[in-house]
Every structure is written in C-alpha cells, then in structure tokens.
C-alpha cells in the first residue's frame, strides 16, 4: 500500500501560482491540505511565521519539510528531487 504524504499548501483566491502548484501535485497523484489565507490575516501570519518570514503564496510543506513556493516546487521536480520526496518512507 502506498504511503500517504502529508502535504500542506497555503493559498489565496485567484492565485495563478497556487493553481500551478496544486496542478503539479494533482498530476503526481498527491492529495493535500489547502489553507486559504485570502481573508484570514491570523492564518496568513501563522503561515509567515512557519515559513520563516515568507509572505508569498503558495507556501508548501511536504511531510513537514518546507519546500517553498510554486517555482521552488517546479525546480525540485525539474531536478528530479520531488518524486523521491513524495515516495520517501
């Protein structure tokens, strides 16, 4: 049985980078927990703290590891490092 990854992605409404990041994860057959911070200043502040000061969205964590944003996620994929993160035991 395949291991279920814990993927957390903070997003905002109508964010094209958020949509691209979610599309890549979905293409790889991954489910994720999405936290929309569009109208939630407290949740956005919590995201910023957790992300070491990063305020942009999306902010993505895979199994507790902060990946960064959309460009970071795609860079990991291009470098061949995303799939191993998603299949790690």
PDB file of N, CA and C in Angstrom:
ATOM      1  N   UNK A   1       0.842  -1.189   0.000  1.00  0.00           N
ATOM      2  CA  UNK A   1       0.000   0.000   0.000  1.00  0.00           C
ATOM      3  C   UNK A   1       0.885   1.250   0.000  1.00  0.00           C
ATOM      4  N   UNK A   2       0.520   2.196  -0.841  1.00  0.00           N
ATOM      5  CA  UNK A   2       1.325   3.416  -0.968  1.00  0.00           C
ATOM      6  C   UNK A   2       1.211   4.267   0.287  1.00  0.00           C
ATOM      7  N   UNK A   3       2.305   4.885   0.627  1.00  0.00           N
ATOM      8  CA  UNK A   3       2.350   5.774   1.785  1.00  0.00           C
ATOM      9  C   UNK A   3       1.607   7.066   1.440  1.00  0.00           C
ATOM     10  N   UNK A   4       0.861   7.579   2.376  1.00  0.00           N
ATOM     11  CA  UNK A   4       0.167   8.840   2.180  1.00  0.00           C
ATOM     12  C   UNK A   4       1.067   9.966   2.671  1.00  0.00           C
ATOM     13  N   UNK A   5       1.340  10.889   1.793  1.00  0.00           N
ATOM     14  CA  UNK A   5       2.158  12.038   2.162  1.00  0.00           C
ATOM     15  C   UNK A   5       1.296  13.074   2.850  1.00  0.00           C
ATOM     16  N   UNK A   6       1.908  13.800   3.767  1.00  0.00           N
ATOM     17  CA  UNK A   6       1.230  14.938   4.379  1.00  0.00           C
ATOM     18  C   UNK A   6       1.722  16.182   3.664  1.00  0.00           C
ATOM     19  N   UNK A   7       0.869  16.723   2.819  1.00  0.00           N
ATOM     20  CA  UNK A   7       1.224  17.907   2.044  1.00  0.00           C
ATOM     21  C   UNK A   7       0.298  19.037   2.474  1.00  0.00           C
ATOM     22  N   UNK A   8       0.905  20.153   2.846  1.00  0.00           N
ATOM     23  CA  UNK A   8       0.168  21.337   3.274  1.00  0.00           C
ATOM     24  C   UNK A   8       0.518  22.467   2.320  1.00  0.00           C
ATOM     25  N   UNK A   9      -0.506  23.123   1.794  1.00  0.00           N
ATOM     26  CA  UNK A   9      -0.276  24.234   0.875  1.00  0.00           C
ATOM     27  C   UNK A   9      -1.175  25.408   1.271  1.00  0.00           C
ATOM     28  N   UNK A  10      -0.531  26.539   1.511  1.00  0.00           N
ATOM     29  CA  UNK A  10      -1.247  27.775   1.807  1.00  0.00           C
ATOM     30  C   UNK A  10      -1.472  28.510   0.497  1.00  0.00           C
ATOM     31  N   UNK A  11      -2.703  28.957   0.275  1.00  0.00           N
ATOM     32  CA  UNK A  11      -3.073  29.588  -0.992  1.00  0.00           C
ATOM     33  C   UNK A  11      -3.908  30.841  -0.759  1.00  0.00           C
ATOM     34  N   UNK A  12      -4.149  31.563  -1.856  1.00  0.00           N
ATOM     35  CA  UNK A  12      -5.140  32.630  -1.855  1.00  0.00           C
ATOM     36  C   UNK A  12      -6.020  32.460  -3.090  1.00  0.00           C
ATOM     37  N   UNK A  13      -7.182  33.069  -3.037  1.00  0.00           N
ATOM     38  CA  UNK A  13      -8.151  33.014  -4.124  1.00  0.00           C
ATOM     39  C   UNK A  13      -7.567  33.648  -5.389  1.00  0.00           C
ATOM     40  N   UNK A  14      -7.765  32.995  -6.498  1.00  0.00           N
ATOM     41  CA  UNK A  14      -7.356  33.516  -7.819  1.00  0.00           C
ATOM     42  C   UNK A  14      -5.838  33.664  -7.981  1.00  0.00           C
ATOM     43  N   UNK A  15      -5.066  32.872  -7.280  1.00  0.00           N
ATOM     44  CA  UNK A  15      -3.607  32.941  -7.382  1.00  0.00           C
ATOM     45  C   UNK A  15      -3.138  31.949  -8.450  1.00  0.00           C
ATOM     46  N   UNK A  16      -2.574  32.441  -9.557  1.00  0.00           N
ATOM     47  CA  UNK A  16      -2.146  31.513 -10.615  1.00  0.00           C
ATOM     48  C   UNK A  16      -1.008  30.592 -10.183  1.00  0.00           C
ATOM     49  N   UNK A  17      -0.137  31.069  -9.309  1.00  0.00           N
ATOM     50  CA  UNK A  17       0.964  30.226  -8.837  1.00  0.00           C
ATOM     51  C   UNK A  17       0.434  29.102  -7.947  1.00  0.00           C
ATOM     52  N   UNK A  18      -0.571  29.414  -7.154  1.00  0.00           N
ATOM     53  CA  UNK A  18      -1.203  28.393  -6.316  1.00  0.00           C
ATOM     54  C   UNK A  18      -1.836  27.321  -7.203  1.00  0.00           C
ATOM     55  N   UNK A  19      -2.523  27.760  -8.244  1.00  0.00           N
ATOM     56  CA  UNK A  19      -3.169  26.816  -9.163  1.00  0.00           C
ATOM     57  C   UNK A  19      -2.134  25.923  -9.840  1.00  0.00           C
ATOM     58  N   UNK A  20      -1.008  26.500 -10.250  1.00  0.00           N
ATOM     59  CA  UNK A  20       0.053  25.707 -10.899  1.00  0.00           C
ATOM     60  C   UNK A  20       0.646  24.686  -9.939  1.00  0.00           C
ATOM     61  N   UNK A  21       0.885  25.092  -8.703  1.00  0.00           N
ATOM     62  CA  UNK A  21       1.461  24.182  -7.709  1.00  0.00           C
ATOM     63  C   UNK A  21       0.493  23.034  -7.431  1.00  0.00           C
ATOM     64  N   UNK A  22      -0.791  23.360  -7.250  1.00  0.00           N
ATOM     65  CA  UNK A  22      -1.777  22.318  -6.985  1.00  0.00           C
ATOM     66  C   UNK A  22      -1.902  21.378  -8.179  1.00  0.00           C
ATOM     67  N   UNK A  23      -1.834  21.929  -9.390  1.00  0.00           N
ATOM     68  CA  UNK A  23      -1.930  21.101 -10.604  1.00  0.00           C
ATOM     69  C   UNK A  23      -0.780  20.099 -10.683  1.00  0.00           C
ATOM     70  N   UNK A  24       0.432  20.529 -10.328  1.00  0.00           N
ATOM     71  CA  UNK A  24       1.576  19.614 -10.356  1.00  0.00           C
ATOM     72  C   UNK A  24       1.394  18.498  -9.329  1.00  0.00           C
ATOM     73  N   UNK A  25       0.956  18.846  -8.136  1.00  0.00           N
ATOM     74  CA  UNK A  25       0.736  17.836  -7.110  1.00  0.00           C
ATOM     75  C   UNK A  25      -0.361  16.854  -7.531  1.00  0.00           C
ATOM     76  N   UNK A  26      -1.428  17.383  -8.119  1.00  0.00           N
ATOM     77  CA  UNK A  26      -2.517  16.522  -8.586  1.00  0.00           C
ATOM     78  C   UNK A  26      -2.046  15.618  -9.717  1.00  0.00           C
ATOM     79  N   UNK A  27      -1.227  16.149 -10.620  1.00  0.00           N
ATOM     80  CA  UNK A  27      -0.675  15.356 -11.729  1.00  0.00           C
ATOM     81  C   UNK A  27       0.131  14.174 -11.178  1.00  0.00           C
ATOM     82  N   UNK A  28       0.760  14.382 -10.039  1.00  0.00           N
ATOM     83  CA  UNK A  28       1.562  13.330  -9.420  1.00  0.00           C
ATOM     84  C   UNK A  28       0.730  12.440  -8.494  1.00  0.00           C
ATOM     85  N   UNK A  29      -0.601  12.639  -8.522  1.00  0.00           N
ATOM     86  CA  UNK A  29      -1.497  11.790  -7.751  1.00  0.00           C
ATOM     87  C   UNK A  29      -1.484  12.060  -6.260  1.00  0.00           C
ATOM     88  N   UNK A  30      -1.112  13.266  -5.883  1.00  0.00           N
ATOM     89  CA  UNK A  30      -0.992  13.609  -4.461  1.00  0.00           C
ATOM     90  C   UNK A  30      -2.217  14.378  -3.983  1.00  0.00           C
ATOM     91  N   UNK A  31      -2.684  14.010  -2.804  1.00  0.00           N
ATOM     92  CA  UNK A  31      -3.717  14.814  -2.154  1.00  0.00           C
ATOM     93  C   UNK A  31      -3.001  15.761  -1.196  1.00  0.00           C
ATOM     94  N   UNK A  32      -3.674  16.827  -0.841  1.00  0.00           N
ATOM     95  CA  UNK A  32      -3.046  17.830   0.014  1.00  0.00           C
ATOM     96  C   UNK A  32      -4.093  18.546   0.825  1.00  0.00           C
ATOM     97  N   UNK A  33      -3.642  19.158   1.900  1.00  0.00           N
ATOM     98  CA  UNK A  33      -4.494  20.013   2.714  1.00  0.00           C
ATOM     99  C   UNK A  33      -4.229  21.443   2.275  1.00  0.00           C
ATOM    100  N   UNK A  34      -5.283  22.122   1.879  1.00  0.00           N
ATOM    101  CA  UNK A  34      -5.157  23.507   1.413  1.00  0.00           C
ATOM    102  C   UNK A  34      -5.718  24.447   2.467  1.00  0.00           C
ATOM    103  N   UNK A  35      -4.934  25.480   2.787  1.00  0.00           N
ATOM    104  CA  UNK A  35      -5.380  26.509   3.724  1.00  0.00           C
ATOM    105  C   UNK A  35      -5.434  27.822   2.948  1.00  0.00           C
ATOM    106  N   UNK A  36      -6.648  28.327   2.735  1.00  0.00           N
ATOM    107  CA  UNK A  36      -6.846  29.581   2.001  1.00  0.00           C
ATOM    108  C   UNK A  36      -6.694  30.740   2.977  1.00  0.00           C
ATOM    109  N   UNK A  37      -5.691  31.578   2.756  1.00  0.00           N
ATOM    110  CA  UNK A  37      -5.426  32.701   3.652  1.00  0.00           C
ATOM    111  C   UNK A  37      -5.887  34.039   3.068  1.00  0.00           C
ATOM    112  N   UNK A  38      -6.733  33.992   2.025  1.00  0.00           N
ATOM    113  CA  UNK A  38      -7.180  35.215   1.357  1.00  0.00           C
ATOM    114  C   UNK A  38      -7.770  36.217   2.342  1.00  0.00           C
ATOM    115  N   UNK A  39      -8.685  35.761   3.175  1.00  0.00           N
ATOM    116  CA  UNK A  39      -9.399  36.671   4.083  1.00  0.00           C
ATOM    117  C   UNK A  39      -9.104  36.375   5.544  1.00  0.00           C
ATOM    118  N   UNK A  40      -8.004  35.709   5.810  1.00  0.00           N
ATOM    119  CA  UNK A  40      -7.700  35.304   7.182  1.00  0.00           C
ATOM    120  C   UNK A  40      -6.303  35.796   7.570  1.00  0.00           C
ATOM    121  N   UNK A  41      -6.257  37.009   8.100  1.00  0.00           N
ATOM    122  CA  UNK A  41      -4.970  37.629   8.446  1.00  0.00           C
ATOM    123  C   UNK A  41      -4.208  36.820   9.495  1.00  0.00           C
ATOM    124  N   UNK A  42      -4.921  36.251  10.448  1.00  0.00           N
ATOM    125  CA  UNK A  42      -4.261  35.473  11.504  1.00  0.00           C
ATOM    126  C   UNK A  42      -3.619  34.214  10.920  1.00  0.00           C
ATOM    127  N   UNK A  43      -4.333  33.534  10.029  1.00  0.00           N
ATOM    128  CA  UNK A  43      -3.793  32.327   9.403  1.00  0.00           C
ATOM    129  C   UNK A  43      -2.611  32.677   8.494  1.00  0.00           C
ATOM    130  N   UNK A  44      -2.703  33.813   7.810  1.00  0.00           N
ATOM    131  CA  UNK A  44      -1.595  34.239   6.954  1.00  0.00           C
ATOM    132  C   UNK A  44      -0.360  34.564   7.798  1.00  0.00           C
ATOM    133  N   UNK A  45      -0.567  35.192   8.928  1.00  0.00           N
ATOM    134  CA  UNK A  45       0.546  35.498   9.825  1.00  0.00           C
ATOM    135  C   UNK A  45       1.174  34.204  10.350  1.00  0.00           C
ATOM    136  N   UNK A  46       0.334  33.226  10.672  1.00  0.00           N
ATOM    137  CA  UNK A  46       0.835  31.921  11.126  1.00  0.00           C
ATOM    138  C   UNK A  46       1.668  31.268  10.019  1.00  0.00           C
ATOM    139  N   UNK A  47       1.193  31.362   8.773  1.00  0.00           N
ATOM    140  CA  UNK A  47       1.935  30.826   7.631  1.00  0.00           C
ATOM    141  C   UNK A  47       3.284  31.521   7.514  1.00  0.00           C
ATOM    142  N   UNK A  48       3.290  32.852   7.634  1.00  0.00           N
ATOM    143  CA  UNK A  48       4.517  33.634   7.513  1.00  0.00           C
ATOM    144  C   UNK A  48       5.531  33.225   8.573  1.00  0.00           C
ATOM    145  N   UNK A  49       5.056  33.058   9.801  1.00  0.00           N
ATOM    146  CA  UNK A  49       5.938  32.623  10.887  1.00  0.00           C
ATOM    147  C   UNK A  49       6.512  31.235  10.597  1.00  0.00           C
ATOM    148  N   UNK A  50       5.639  30.326  10.192  1.00  0.00           N
ATOM    149  CA  UNK A  50       6.043  28.947   9.921  1.00  0.00           C
ATOM    150  C   UNK A  50       7.031  28.893   8.745  1.00  0.00           C
ATOM    151  N   UNK A  51       6.862  29.812   7.780  1.00  0.00           N
ATOM    152  CA  UNK A  51       7.692  29.817   6.571  1.00  0.00           C
ATOM    153  C   UNK A  51       8.941  30.688   6.734  1.00  0.00           C
ATOM    154  N   UNK A  52       9.282  31.046   7.955  1.00  0.00           N
ATOM    155  CA  UNK A  52      10.500  31.817   8.173  1.00  0.00           C
ATOM    156  C   UNK A  52      10.465  33.211   7.570  1.00  0.00           C
ATOM    157  N   UNK A  53       9.274  33.818   7.567  1.00  0.00           N
ATOM    158  CA  UNK A  53       9.144  35.186   7.074  1.00  0.00           C
ATOM    159  C   UNK A  53       8.632  35.307   5.649  1.00  0.00           C
ATOM    160  N   UNK A  54       8.512  34.194   4.943  1.00  0.00           N
ATOM    161  CA  UNK A  54       7.976  34.237   3.574  1.00  0.00           C
ATOM    162  C   UNK A  54       6.498  34.594   3.631  1.00  0.00           C
ATOM    163  N   UNK A  55       6.101  35.618   2.848  1.00  0.00           N
ATOM    164  CA  UNK A  55       4.716  36.085   2.877  1.00  0.00           C
ATOM    165  C   UNK A  55       3.959  35.715   1.605  1.00  0.00           C
ATOM    166  N   UNK A  56       4.678  35.294   0.563  1.00  0.00           N
ATOM    167  CA  UNK A  56       4.017  34.997  -0.702  1.00  0.00           C
ATOM    168  C   UNK A  56       3.329  33.638  -0.647  1.00  0.00           C
ATOM    169  N   UNK A  57       2.352  33.474  -1.507  1.00  0.00           N
ATOM    170  CA  UNK A  57       1.686  32.184  -1.653  1.00  0.00           C
ATOM    171  C   UNK A  57       1.923  31.667  -3.069  1.00  0.00           C
ATOM    172  N   UNK A  58       1.926  30.371  -3.234  1.00  0.00           N
ATOM    173  CA  UNK A  58       1.715  29.376  -2.199  1.00  0.00           C
ATOM    174  C   UNK A  58       2.962  29.169  -1.343  1.00  0.00           C
ATOM    175  N   UNK A  59       2.752  28.631  -0.172  1.00  0.00           N
ATOM    176  CA  UNK A  59       3.833  28.102   0.666  1.00  0.00           C
ATOM    177  C   UNK A  59       3.483  26.633   0.873  1.00  0.00           C
ATOM    178  N   UNK A  60       4.463  25.764   0.626  1.00  0.00           N
ATOM    179  CA  UNK A  60       4.197  24.327   0.564  1.00  0.00           C
ATOM    180  C   UNK A  60       5.120  23.562   1.507  1.00  0.00           C
ATOM    181  N   UNK A  61       4.535  22.612   2.227  1.00  0.00           N
ATOM    182  CA  UNK A  61       5.284  21.687   3.079  1.00  0.00           C
ATOM    183  C   UNK A  61       4.954  20.269   2.634  1.00  0.00           C
ATOM    184  N   UNK A  62       5.972  19.426   2.529  1.00  0.00           N
ATOM    185  CA  UNK A  62       5.782  18.007   2.219  1.00  0.00           C
ATOM    186  C   UNK A  62       6.378  17.212   3.374  1.00  0.00           C
ATOM    187  N   UNK A  63       5.518  16.480   4.060  1.00  0.00           N
ATOM    188  CA  UNK A  63       5.940  15.665   5.216  1.00  0.00           C
ATOM    189  C   UNK A  63       6.757  16.482   6.214  1.00  0.00           C
ATOM    190  N   UNK A  64       6.301  17.720   6.456  1.00  0.00           N
ATOM    191  CA  UNK A  64       6.940  18.570   7.444  1.00  0.00           C
ATOM    192  C   UNK A  64       8.115  19.383   6.941  1.00  0.00           C
ATOM    193  N   UNK A  65       8.558  19.123   5.705  1.00  0.00           N
ATOM    194  CA  UNK A  65       9.677  19.874   5.126  1.00  0.00           C
ATOM    195  C   UNK A  65       9.148  21.034   4.296  1.00  0.00           C
ATOM    196  N   UNK A  66       9.611  22.247   4.605  1.00  0.00           N
ATOM    197  CA  UNK A  66       9.181  23.424   3.857  1.00  0.00           C
ATOM    198  C   UNK A  66       9.848  23.420   2.488  1.00  0.00           C
ATOM    199  N   UNK A  67       9.030  23.334   1.458  1.00  0.00           N
ATOM    200  CA  UNK A  67       9.519  23.300   0.082  1.00  0.00           C
ATOM    201  C   UNK A  67       9.684  24.715  -0.457  1.00  0.00           C
ATOM    202  N   UNK A  68       8.796  25.616  -0.053  1.00  0.00           N
ATOM    203  CA  UNK A  68       8.816  26.983  -0.559  1.00  0.00           C
ATOM    204  C   UNK A  68       7.561  27.233  -1.372  1.00  0.00           C
ATOM    205  N   UNK A  69       7.729  27.942  -2.485  1.00  0.00           N
ATOM    206  CA  UNK A  69       6.595  28.311  -3.323  1.00  0.00           C
ATOM    207  C   UNK A  69       6.496  27.485  -4.590  1.00  0.00           C
ATOM    208  N   UNK A  70       5.702  27.986  -5.525  1.00  0.00           N
ATOM    209  CA  UNK A  70       5.453  27.290  -6.782  1.00  0.00           C
ATOM    210  C   UNK A  70       6.745  27.068  -7.574  1.00  0.00           C
ATOM    211  N   UNK A  71       7.536  28.126  -7.736  1.00  0.00           N
ATOM    212  CA  UNK A  71       8.785  27.996  -8.501  1.00  0.00           C
ATOM    213  C   UNK A  71       9.714  26.977  -7.853  1.00  0.00           C
ATOM    214  N   UNK A  72       9.742  26.961  -6.524  1.00  0.00           N
ATOM    215  CA  UNK A  72      10.581  26.002  -5.803  1.00  0.00           C
ATOM    216  C   UNK A  72      10.103  24.572  -6.045  1.00  0.00           C
ATOM    217  N   UNK A  73       8.780  24.381  -6.046  1.00  0.00           N
ATOM    218  CA  UNK A  73       8.206  23.057  -6.273  1.00  0.00           C
ATOM    219  C   UNK A  73       8.572  22.556  -7.673  1.00  0.00           C
ATOM    220  N   UNK A  74       8.414  23.423  -8.677  1.00  0.00           N
ATOM    221  CA  UNK A  74       8.751  23.032 -10.047  1.00  0.00           C
ATOM    222  C   UNK A  74      10.255  22.807 -10.211  1.00  0.00           C
ATOM    223  N   UNK A  75      11.068  23.592  -9.521  1.00  0.00           N
ATOM    224  CA  UNK A  75      12.523  23.405  -9.583  1.00  0.00           C
ATOM    225  C   UNK A  75      12.908  22.047  -9.007  1.00  0.00           C
ATOM    226  N   UNK A  76      12.277  21.655  -7.893  1.00  0.00           N
ATOM    227  CA  UNK A  76      12.523  20.334  -7.320  1.00  0.00           C
ATOM    228  C   UNK A  76      12.155  19.244  -8.315  1.00  0.00           C
ATOM    229  N   UNK A  77      11.032  19.443  -9.005  1.00  0.00           N
ATOM    230  CA  UNK A  77      10.587  18.454  -9.976  1.00  0.00           C
ATOM    231  C   UNK A  77      11.574  18.349 -11.136  1.00  0.00           C
ATOM    232  N   UNK A  78      12.003  19.498 -11.662  1.00  0.00           N
ATOM    233  CA  UNK A  78      12.971  19.504 -12.775  1.00  0.00           C
ATOM    234  C   UNK A  78      14.285  18.850 -12.377  1.00  0.00           C
ATOM    235  N   UNK A  79      14.679  19.027 -11.115  1.00  0.00           N
ATOM    236  CA  UNK A  79      15.935  18.471 -10.632  1.00  0.00           C
ATOM    237  C   UNK A  79      15.816  16.990 -10.256  1.00  0.00           C
ATOM    238  N   UNK A  80      14.610  16.440 -10.382  1.00  0.00           N
ATOM    239  CA  UNK A  80      14.408  15.044 -10.052  1.00  0.00           C
ATOM    240  C   UNK A  80      14.345  14.778  -8.554  1.00  0.00           C
ATOM    241  N   UNK A  81      14.124  15.828  -7.772  1.00  0.00           N
ATOM    242  CA  UNK A  81      14.115  15.678  -6.311  1.00  0.00           C
ATOM    243  C   UNK A  81      12.716  15.613  -5.709  1.00  0.00           C
ATOM    244  N   UNK A  82      11.689  15.958  -6.495  1.00  0.00           N
ATOM    245  CA  UNK A  82      10.326  15.964  -5.942  1.00  0.00           C
ATOM    246  C   UNK A  82       9.798  14.546  -5.763  1.00  0.00           C
ATOM    247  N   UNK A  83       9.931  13.708  -6.784  1.00  0.00           N
ATOM    248  CA  UNK A  83       9.404  12.345  -6.689  1.00  0.00           C
ATOM    249  C   UNK A  83       9.978  11.583  -5.502  1.00  0.00           C
ATOM    250  N   UNK A  84      11.280  11.661  -5.247  1.00  0.00           N
ATOM    251  CA  UNK A  84      11.790  10.969  -4.055  1.00  0.00           C
ATOM    252  C   UNK A  84      11.182  11.486  -2.748  1.00  0.00           C
ATOM    253  N   UNK A  85      10.887  12.796  -2.693  1.00  0.00           N
ATOM    254  CA  UNK A  85      10.229  13.344  -1.501  1.00  0.00           C
ATOM    255  C   UNK A  85       8.833  12.753  -1.332  1.00  0.00           C
ATOM    256  N   UNK A  86       8.183  12.507  -2.463  1.00  0.00           N
ATOM    257  CA  UNK A  86       6.809  12.012  -2.425  1.00  0.00           C
ATOM    258  C   UNK A  86       6.732  10.502  -2.212  1.00  0.00           C
ATOM    259  N   UNK A  87       7.855   9.818  -2.394  1.00  0.00           N
ATOM    260  CA  UNK A  87       7.849   8.362  -2.233  1.00  0.00           C
ATOM    261  C   UNK A  87       8.672   7.917  -1.030  1.00  0.00           C
ATOM    262  N   UNK A  88       9.227   8.863  -0.297  1.00  0.00           N
ATOM    263  CA  UNK A  88      10.039   8.517   0.876  1.00  0.00           C
ATOM    264  C   UNK A  88       9.174   7.808   1.914  1.00  0.00           C
ATOM    265  N   UNK A  89       9.762   6.828   2.556  1.00  0.00           N
ATOM    266  CA  UNK A  89       9.004   6.061   3.568  1.00  0.00           C
ATOM    267  C   UNK A  89       8.937   6.815   4.866  1.00  0.00           C
TER     268      UNK A  89
END
